[in-house]
Protein backbone atom coordinates (compact mmCIF):
# COMPACT_ATOMS: atom_id res chain seq x y z
CA MET A 1 16.12 18.08 -26.45
CA THR A 2 16.21 15.45 -23.70
CA ASP A 3 14.51 12.11 -23.98
CA VAL A 4 11.33 11.82 -21.97
CA PRO A 5 11.01 8.38 -20.36
CA ARG A 6 8.04 6.26 -21.35
CA SER A 7 5.39 5.53 -18.78
CA MET A 8 5.33 2.10 -17.21
CA ARG A 9 2.27 0.13 -16.16
CA ILE A 10 3.00 -2.69 -13.75
CA PRO A 11 -0.12 -4.87 -13.25
CA VAL A 12 -1.13 -5.92 -9.76
CA GLY A 13 0.92 -8.86 -8.52
CA GLU A 14 3.59 -8.45 -11.18
CA ASP A 15 7.22 -7.44 -10.99
CA ARG A 16 8.65 -4.66 -13.18
CA LEU A 17 11.37 -7.05 -14.33
CA GLY A 18 9.04 -10.05 -14.77
CA ARG A 19 10.46 -12.05 -11.87
CA SER A 20 8.72 -13.94 -9.07
CA ARG A 21 10.88 -13.91 -5.93
CA SER A 22 10.73 -13.99 -2.14
CA VAL A 23 12.99 -12.28 0.39
CA PHE A 24 14.43 -14.87 2.80
CA GLY A 25 12.20 -17.46 1.14
CA VAL A 26 9.02 -16.22 2.84
CA MET A 27 8.28 -12.62 1.78
CA PRO A 28 7.17 -12.37 -1.86
CA PHE A 29 8.00 -9.00 -3.35
CA ALA A 30 7.68 -7.24 -6.67
CA ILE A 31 9.76 -4.35 -7.93
CA LYS A 32 7.41 -1.61 -9.12
CA VAL A 33 10.06 1.04 -9.93
CA SER A 34 13.59 -0.27 -10.48
CA SER A 35 16.59 1.82 -9.54
CA ARG A 36 17.47 1.64 -13.24
CA ASP A 37 14.15 3.29 -14.13
CA SER A 38 14.91 6.27 -11.91
CA GLY A 39 18.63 6.70 -12.61
CA GLY A 40 19.30 5.53 -9.05
CA ALA A 41 16.96 8.10 -7.49
CA SER A 42 14.52 5.56 -6.01
CA LEU A 43 13.44 1.97 -5.69
CA VAL A 44 9.80 1.04 -5.03
CA ILE A 45 8.72 -2.47 -4.09
CA GLU A 46 5.50 -4.16 -3.05
CA GLN A 47 6.04 -6.79 -0.38
CA ALA A 48 3.61 -9.42 0.84
CA ASN A 49 3.81 -10.96 4.29
CA ALA A 50 2.00 -14.15 5.24
CA TYR A 51 3.82 -14.70 8.53
CA ARG A 52 3.97 -12.52 11.63
CA GLY A 53 7.27 -10.79 12.28
CA GLY A 54 9.81 -8.92 10.20
CA PRO A 55 13.49 -8.06 9.69
CA PRO A 56 16.04 -7.27 12.39
CA ARG A 57 16.34 -3.71 13.70
CA HIS A 58 18.63 -1.95 11.26
CA LEU A 59 19.51 1.38 9.74
CA HIS A 60 20.36 2.59 6.28
CA HIS A 61 23.41 4.82 6.10
CA ASP A 62 22.31 6.56 2.89
CA GLN A 63 18.62 5.79 2.21
CA ASP A 64 15.33 7.08 3.56
CA GLU A 65 12.69 4.34 3.65
CA TRP A 66 8.95 4.93 3.36
CA PHE A 67 6.30 2.34 4.26
CA TYR A 68 2.67 2.35 3.05
CA VAL A 69 0.36 -0.39 4.34
CA VAL A 70 -1.97 -1.79 1.67
CA GLU A 71 -3.45 -4.58 3.78
CA GLY A 72 -2.84 -6.13 7.17
CA GLU A 73 -1.67 -4.68 10.47
CA TYR A 74 1.96 -3.72 11.15
CA VAL A 75 4.01 -2.27 13.96
CA ILE A 76 6.97 -0.15 12.89
CA SER A 77 9.55 1.06 15.38
CA ILE A 78 11.61 4.06 14.24
CA GLY A 79 14.13 5.44 16.69
CA GLU A 80 12.30 5.74 20.02
CA GLU A 81 8.81 5.84 18.44
CA THR A 82 6.51 2.92 17.72
CA HIS A 83 3.67 3.20 15.21
CA ARG A 84 0.77 0.81 14.62
CA LEU A 85 -0.14 0.99 10.93
CA MET A 86 -3.34 -0.14 9.28
CA PRO A 87 -4.29 -0.08 5.56
CA GLY A 88 -3.80 3.40 4.17
CA ASP A 89 -1.29 4.45 6.85
CA SER A 90 2.30 5.35 6.02
CA VAL A 91 5.45 6.33 7.87
CA LEU A 92 8.94 7.52 6.97
CA ALA A 93 12.10 5.99 8.45
CA PRO A 94 14.86 8.58 7.86
CA ARG A 95 18.36 7.44 6.98
CA ARG A 96 20.68 6.65 9.89
CA VAL A 97 17.71 6.09 12.26
CA PRO A 98 17.32 2.48 13.50
CA HIS A 99 14.02 0.86 12.57
CA ALA A 100 12.26 -2.48 12.42
CA TRP A 101 8.81 -3.56 11.35
CA ALA A 102 6.62 -6.58 11.93
CA LEU A 103 3.34 -7.92 10.63
CA VAL A 104 1.30 -8.27 13.82
CA GLY A 105 -2.20 -9.10 12.67
CA HIS A 106 -3.37 -12.63 12.09
CA ALA A 107 -4.23 -11.91 8.45
CA PRO A 108 -1.64 -11.61 5.66
CA GLY A 109 -0.23 -8.17 5.00
CA ARG A 110 1.11 -6.18 2.10
CA MET A 111 3.15 -2.97 1.99
CA VAL A 112 4.57 -0.65 -0.62
CA ILE A 113 8.10 0.32 0.41
CA ALA A 114 10.16 3.06 -1.24
CA PHE A 115 13.86 3.80 -0.84
CA TRP A 116 15.61 6.97 -1.95
CA PRO A 117 18.15 7.27 -3.20
CA ALA A 118 18.07 3.65 -4.31
CA GLY A 119 21.72 3.00 -3.47
CA ARG A 120 22.40 -0.72 -3.48
CA MET A 121 18.99 -1.78 -2.16
CA GLU A 122 18.00 -3.58 -5.35
CA GLU A 123 21.24 -5.57 -5.13
CA PHE A 124 20.42 -6.35 -1.48
CA PHE A 125 17.08 -7.86 -2.51
CA ASP A 126 18.84 -9.85 -5.25
CA ALA A 127 21.08 -11.35 -2.53
CA ALA A 128 18.26 -11.83 0.01
CA VAL A 129 16.22 -13.98 -2.38
CA GLU A 130 19.08 -16.48 -2.43
CA LEU A 131 18.44 -17.30 1.26
CA ASP A 132 15.77 -19.83 2.19
CA ASP A 133 14.99 -18.41 5.63
CA THR A 134 15.45 -15.30 7.77
CA PRO A 135 19.20 -15.25 8.41
CA ALA A 136 20.72 -15.73 11.84
CA PRO A 137 22.42 -12.58 13.23
CA ASP A 138 25.91 -13.77 12.23
CA VAL A 139 24.70 -14.04 8.60
CA ALA A 140 22.44 -10.95 8.64
CA ARG A 141 25.09 -8.49 9.84
CA PRO A 142 27.56 -8.97 6.96
CA LEU A 143 24.75 -9.29 4.41
CA PHE A 144 23.18 -5.98 5.46
CA ALA A 145 26.60 -4.29 5.78
CA ALA A 146 27.57 -5.27 2.22
CA TYR A 147 24.67 -3.13 0.96
CA GLY A 148 25.04 -0.03 3.14
CA MET A 149 22.96 -1.06 6.15
CA GLU A 150 23.77 -1.93 9.73
CA VAL A 151 21.94 -4.48 11.89
CA VAL A 152 21.62 -2.91 15.34
CA GLY A 153 19.22 -5.25 17.13
CA PRO A 154 16.83 -8.19 16.94
CA PRO A 155 13.50 -8.27 15.11
CA LEU A 156 10.48 -6.85 16.92
CA VAL A 157 8.80 -9.26 19.32
CA VAL A 158 5.33 -10.14 18.08
CA GLU A 159 2.85 -11.02 20.82
């Protein structure tokens, strides 16, 4: 007989691992499903954004990435398509397809983001919280590459 995993309840605003951290010093995030919980099958995070903008255009060599907007207004560019997402909207960025997202509204935003398989994404976030600001391209490229991603362009321009 195989062991059945226990359910997990992660209260709003809390991290699965009990940590309080921010990506690049400005984007608070909470792990909701750790890669360890899923045997490496997935990683689910909730990320808050108080400032307009987002990460550089990049791709994941081995992960699909799914975005679900909880609050705020975002633009997400995936390949040649651009999507404007409002609360309740979601979109999938398939692996090996360049994508970038940006908070574009004037109000704070929050998204649930899932990666599968998890790969080294949790380790990437562990490294990204060590930086105090969005990294310059010469820092971002090797950081992303170390965790199976490739920076292929600048962040989206927010007007």
